[in-house]
Protein backbone atom coordinates (compact mmCIF):
# COMPACT_ATOMS: atom_id res chain seq x y z
CA UNK A 1 110.77 113.83 127.52
CA UNK A 2 113.98 112.01 127.98
CA UNK A 3 112.90 109.21 125.57
CA UNK A 4 111.50 111.26 122.69
CA UNK A 5 114.96 111.76 121.19
CA UNK A 6 115.69 108.00 121.28
CA UNK A 7 113.76 106.27 118.46
CA UNK A 8 114.01 102.76 119.96
CA UNK A 9 112.65 103.90 123.32
CA UNK A 10 109.99 106.09 121.70
CA UNK A 11 108.87 103.17 119.50
CA UNK A 12 108.77 100.82 122.50
CA UNK A 13 106.60 103.30 124.44
CA UNK A 14 104.24 103.76 121.49
CA UNK A 15 103.98 99.99 121.01
CA UNK A 16 103.03 99.56 124.67
CA UNK A 17 100.42 102.30 124.43
CA UNK A 18 98.93 100.62 121.35
CA UNK A 19 98.76 97.29 123.23
CA UNK A 20 97.02 99.02 126.15
CA UNK A 21 94.55 100.63 123.74
CA UNK A 22 93.78 97.35 122.03
CA UNK A 23 93.56 95.13 125.12
CA UNK A 24 92.25 97.54 127.74
CA UNK A 25 90.54 100.25 125.69
CA UNK A 26 92.70 102.97 127.24
CA UNK A 27 91.23 106.42 126.68
CA UNK A 28 93.63 108.54 128.75
CA UNK A 29 97.39 108.78 129.25
CA UNK A 30 98.80 110.49 132.33
CA UNK A 31 102.40 111.75 132.28
CA UNK A 32 104.12 112.64 135.57
CA UNK A 33 107.58 114.06 136.27
CA UNK A 34 108.95 114.98 139.70
CA UNK A 35 111.69 116.85 141.54
CA UNK A 36 115.02 115.11 142.18
CA UNK A 37 114.55 112.60 139.34
CA UNK A 38 117.63 110.41 139.01
CA UNK A 39 117.14 110.07 135.23
CA UNK A 40 117.98 113.79 134.97
CA UNK A 41 120.80 113.74 137.52
CA UNK A 42 118.70 114.69 140.55
CA UNK A 43 118.49 118.05 142.27
CA UNK A 44 122.22 118.70 141.75
CA UNK A 45 121.56 119.29 138.04
CA UNK A 46 119.54 122.43 138.67
CA UNK A 47 120.43 125.81 140.16
CA UNK A 48 116.91 126.21 141.60
CA UNK A 49 113.60 124.42 142.04
CA UNK A 50 112.06 126.84 139.54
CA UNK A 51 114.65 125.99 136.88
CA UNK A 52 114.00 122.30 137.48
CA UNK A 53 110.22 122.77 137.26
CA UNK A 54 110.51 124.81 134.03
CA UNK A 55 112.64 122.10 132.41
CA UNK A 56 110.22 119.33 133.37
CA UNK A 57 107.21 121.43 132.33
CA UNK A 58 108.77 121.98 128.89
CA UNK A 59 109.49 118.27 128.47
CA UNK A 60 106.01 117.29 129.64
CA UNK A 61 104.48 119.80 127.23
CA UNK A 62 106.53 118.36 124.37
CA UNK A 63 105.58 114.78 125.28
CA UNK A 64 101.92 115.70 125.63
CA UNK A 65 101.95 117.38 122.21
CA UNK A 66 103.73 114.39 120.65
CA UNK A 67 101.23 111.88 122.06
CA UNK A 68 98.23 114.06 121.18
CA UNK A 69 99.47 114.26 117.57
CA UNK A 70 100.14 110.52 117.34
CA UNK A 71 97.02 109.40 119.23
CA UNK A 72 94.23 111.87 118.47
CA UNK A 73 91.51 109.79 120.13
CA UNK A 74 93.28 109.56 123.48
CA UNK A 75 93.29 112.28 126.13
CA UNK A 76 96.80 113.08 127.35
CA UNK A 77 97.32 114.80 130.71
CA UNK A 78 100.62 116.00 132.18
CA UNK A 79 101.48 116.73 135.80
CA UNK A 80 104.49 117.66 137.89
CA UNK A 81 104.61 115.93 141.28
CA UNK A 82 105.68 117.99 144.27
CA UNK A 83 106.45 116.05 147.44
CA UNK A 84 106.05 117.78 150.80
CA UNK A 85 106.74 115.58 153.81
CA UNK A 86 104.18 112.77 153.50
CA UNK A 87 102.04 114.34 150.78
CA UNK A 88 102.26 114.48 147.03
CA UNK A 89 100.51 117.21 145.11
CA UNK A 90 100.18 117.28 141.35
CA UNK A 91 100.56 120.50 139.40
CA UNK A 92 98.89 120.22 135.99
CA UNK A 93 101.01 121.23 133.02
């Protein structure tokens, strides 16, 4: 994901997950990316929806693997959100 290559952000995320585990007994983490994300430059960054999806799927897979390695007792799920008019559907990665 966009933060995995930034140690300070990655450490901040991991610290927050650890707090959630300790205080709220979190057992599952859900990661979601979506089309037209401003953090990636929006739709203009990609030549097609498929290219955009493939990029996000690869990043979600990497983040899921990272969290699963670091937090073996927590289930990590990854989804890509697709918005169609007034509905959002989640495609599992």
